[in-house]
Amino acid sequence: MVLAELWRGVRSAESKRFVAYLERNFPAVVPTESDWTESGLIVSRLALRETYERRKLQEIHFDVLIALTARRIGAFLITCNRADFTAIQKVQEFKLICW
């Protein structure tokens, strides 16, 4: 999912080279079946806590899956999407660095 989000945001040749480098040199870590199940529960809790519209809940679902996958492997999630990931962190603990 991270690669999909990175590719979706690529606009420059330099960015394309960087994402291609990441894809070649780092193994993909994917959500498990239990991550998918738990993500649905977390998105449901977010819907109760926040005033997200349906589209926003669909968008944040991938972020929840990324957070759960990072948590499962013990990794820090590094992002500049502070708002969404701190909201997720309020309902599910994971290591987060925002910059």
C-alpha atoms as a PDB file:
ATOM      1  CA  MET A   1       0.000   0.000   0.000  1.00  0.00           C
ATOM      2  CA  VAL A   2       2.812   2.385   0.762  1.00  0.00           C
ATOM      3  CA  LEU A   3       4.242   1.850  -2.707  1.00  0.00           C
ATOM      4  CA  ALA A   4       0.812   2.399  -4.251  1.00  0.00           C
ATOM      5  CA  GLU A   5       0.430   5.672  -2.363  1.00  0.00           C
ATOM      6  CA  LEU A   6       3.953   6.760  -3.323  1.00  0.00           C
ATOM      7  CA  TRP A   7       3.386   5.924  -7.002  1.00  0.00           C
ATOM      8  CA  ARG A   8       0.051   7.748  -6.927  1.00  0.00           C
ATOM      9  CA  GLY A   9       1.813  10.909  -5.735  1.00  0.00           C
ATOM     10  CA  VAL A  10       4.769  10.789  -8.135  1.00  0.00           C
ATOM     11  CA  ARG A  11       4.996  13.835 -10.370  1.00  0.00           C
ATOM     12  CA  SER A  12       8.682  14.333 -11.207  1.00  0.00           C
ATOM     13  CA  ALA A  13      11.349  12.153 -12.807  1.00  0.00           C
ATOM     14  CA  GLU A  14      13.363  12.361  -9.582  1.00  0.00           C
ATOM     15  CA  SER A  15      10.397  11.106  -7.568  1.00  0.00           C
ATOM     16  CA  LYS A  16       9.878   8.241 -10.039  1.00  0.00           C
ATOM     17  CA  ARG A  17      13.507   7.185  -9.649  1.00  0.00           C
ATOM     18  CA  PHE A  18      13.241   7.332  -5.856  1.00  0.00           C
ATOM     19  CA  VAL A  19      10.069   5.234  -5.657  1.00  0.00           C
ATOM     20  CA  ALA A  20      11.489   2.740  -8.167  1.00  0.00           C
ATOM     21  CA  TYR A  21      14.621   2.488  -5.978  1.00  0.00           C
ATOM     22  CA  LEU A  22      12.491   1.777  -2.898  1.00  0.00           C
ATOM     23  CA  GLU A  23      10.514  -0.845  -4.794  1.00  0.00           C
ATOM     24  CA  ARG A  24      13.679  -2.626  -5.981  1.00  0.00           C
ATOM     25  CA  ASN A  25      15.598  -2.509  -2.707  1.00  0.00           C
ATOM     26  CA  PHE A  26      13.112  -2.988   0.111  1.00  0.00           C
ATOM     27  CA  PRO A  27      10.834  -5.967   0.534  1.00  0.00           C
ATOM     28  CA  ALA A  28       7.119  -5.327   0.485  1.00  0.00           C
ATOM     29  CA  VAL A  29       5.331  -5.842   3.786  1.00  0.00           C
ATOM     30  CA  VAL A  30       1.634  -6.382   3.306  1.00  0.00           C
ATOM     31  CA  PRO A  31      -1.361  -6.408   5.649  1.00  0.00           C
ATOM     32  CA  THR A  32      -2.492  -9.779   6.934  1.00  0.00           C
ATOM     33  CA  GLU A  33      -6.081 -10.974   7.075  1.00  0.00           C
ATOM     34  CA  SER A  34      -6.245  -9.986  10.743  1.00  0.00           C
ATOM     35  CA  ASP A  35      -4.885  -6.506   9.854  1.00  0.00           C
ATOM     36  CA  TRP A  36      -7.782  -6.097   7.406  1.00  0.00           C
ATOM     37  CA  THR A  37     -10.302  -7.200  10.017  1.00  0.00           C
ATOM     38  CA  GLU A  38      -8.838  -4.958  12.709  1.00  0.00           C
ATOM     39  CA  SER A  39      -8.664  -2.034  10.283  1.00  0.00           C
ATOM     40  CA  GLY A  40     -12.418  -2.205   9.747  1.00  0.00           C
ATOM     41  CA  LEU A  41     -12.973  -2.025  13.496  1.00  0.00           C
ATOM     42  CA  ILE A  42     -10.595   0.926  13.823  1.00  0.00           C
ATOM     43  CA  VAL A  43     -12.224   2.821  10.947  1.00  0.00           C
ATOM     44  CA  SER A  44     -15.583   2.224  12.623  1.00  0.00           C
ATOM     45  CA  ARG A  45     -14.246   3.723  15.866  1.00  0.00           C
ATOM     46  CA  LEU A  46     -12.785   6.671  13.939  1.00  0.00           C
ATOM     47  CA  ALA A  47     -16.191   7.268  12.382  1.00  0.00           C
ATOM     48  CA  LEU A  48     -17.659   7.573  15.863  1.00  0.00           C
ATOM     49  CA  ARG A  49     -14.881   9.849  17.195  1.00  0.00           C
ATOM     50  CA  GLU A  50     -14.329  12.143  14.229  1.00  0.00           C
ATOM     51  CA  THR A  51     -16.663  13.979  11.886  1.00  0.00           C
ATOM     52  CA  TYR A  52     -15.382  12.300   8.754  1.00  0.00           C
ATOM     53  CA  GLU A  53     -17.495  12.042   5.639  1.00  0.00           C
ATOM     54  CA  ARG A  54     -17.798   8.683   3.892  1.00  0.00           C
ATOM     55  CA  ARG A  55     -15.089   9.529   1.346  1.00  0.00           C
ATOM     56  CA  LYS A  56     -12.637  10.471   4.107  1.00  0.00           C
ATOM     57  CA  LEU A  57     -13.275   7.159   5.868  1.00  0.00           C
ATOM     58  CA  GLN A  58     -12.458   5.335   2.638  1.00  0.00           C
ATOM     59  CA  GLU A  59      -9.229   7.333   2.271  1.00  0.00           C
ATOM     60  CA  ILE A  60      -8.107   6.852   5.858  1.00  0.00           C
ATOM     61  CA  HIS A  61      -8.696   3.097   5.697  1.00  0.00           C
ATOM     62  CA  PHE A  62      -5.409   2.599   3.806  1.00  0.00           C
ATOM     63  CA  ASP A  63      -3.631   4.732   6.405  1.00  0.00           C
ATOM     64  CA  VAL A  64      -5.033   2.483   9.133  1.00  0.00           C
ATOM     65  CA  LEU A  65      -3.722  -0.569   7.279  1.00  0.00           C
ATOM     66  CA  ILE A  66      -0.309   1.046   6.940  1.00  0.00           C
ATOM     67  CA  ALA A  67      -0.275   1.812  10.678  1.00  0.00           C
ATOM     68  CA  LEU A  68      -1.279  -1.735  11.589  1.00  0.00           C
ATOM     69  CA  THR A  69       1.338  -3.239   9.297  1.00  0.00           C
ATOM     70  CA  ALA A  70       4.051  -1.003  10.752  1.00  0.00           C
ATOM     71  CA  ARG A  71       2.956  -1.915  14.277  1.00  0.00           C
ATOM     72  CA  ARG A  72       3.001  -5.640  13.485  1.00  0.00           C
ATOM     73  CA  ILE A  73       6.629  -5.543  12.309  1.00  0.00           C
ATOM     74  CA  GLY A  74       7.728  -3.146  15.062  1.00  0.00           C
ATOM     75  CA  ALA A  75       8.532  -0.306  12.671  1.00  0.00           C
ATOM     76  CA  PHE A  76       8.123   3.417  13.146  1.00  0.00           C
ATOM     77  CA  LEU A  77       5.666   4.982  10.751  1.00  0.00           C
ATOM     78  CA  ILE A  78       7.165   8.193   9.399  1.00  0.00           C
ATOM     79  CA  THR A  79       4.809  10.632   7.712  1.00  0.00           C
ATOM     80  CA  CYS A  80       3.980  14.261   7.121  1.00  0.00           C
ATOM     81  CA  ASN A  81       0.269  13.398   7.326  1.00  0.00           C
ATOM     82  CA  ARG A  82       0.072  14.368  10.996  1.00  0.00           C
ATOM     83  CA  ALA A  83      -3.692  14.889  11.199  1.00  0.00           C
ATOM     84  CA  ASP A  84      -4.781  11.482   9.933  1.00  0.00           C
ATOM     85  CA  PHE A  85      -2.154   9.409  11.697  1.00  0.00           C
ATOM     86  CA  THR A  86      -2.524  11.125  15.060  1.00  0.00           C
ATOM     87  CA  ALA A  87      -6.284  10.543  14.792  1.00  0.00           C
ATOM     88  CA  ILE A  88      -5.608   6.862  14.116  1.00  0.00           C
ATOM     89  CA  GLN A  89      -3.143   6.754  17.007  1.00  0.00           C
ATOM     90  CA  LYS A  90      -5.917   7.890  19.370  1.00  0.00           C
ATOM     91  CA  VAL A  91      -7.740   4.601  18.756  1.00  0.00           C
ATOM     92  CA  GLN A  92      -4.766   2.292  18.045  1.00  0.00           C
ATOM     93  CA  GLU A  93      -1.259   2.554  19.430  1.00  0.00           C
ATOM     94  CA  PHE A  94       1.678   2.419  17.018  1.00  0.00           C
ATOM     95  CA  LYS A  95       5.063   4.123  16.731  1.00  0.00           C
ATOM     96  CA  LEU A  96       4.688   7.409  14.880  1.00  0.00           C
ATOM     97  CA  ILE A  97       7.093  10.098  13.759  1.00  0.00           C
ATOM     98  CA  CYS A  98       5.582  13.141  12.056  1.00  0.00           C
ATOM     99  CA  TRP A  99       7.748  15.581  10.106  1.00  0.00           C
END
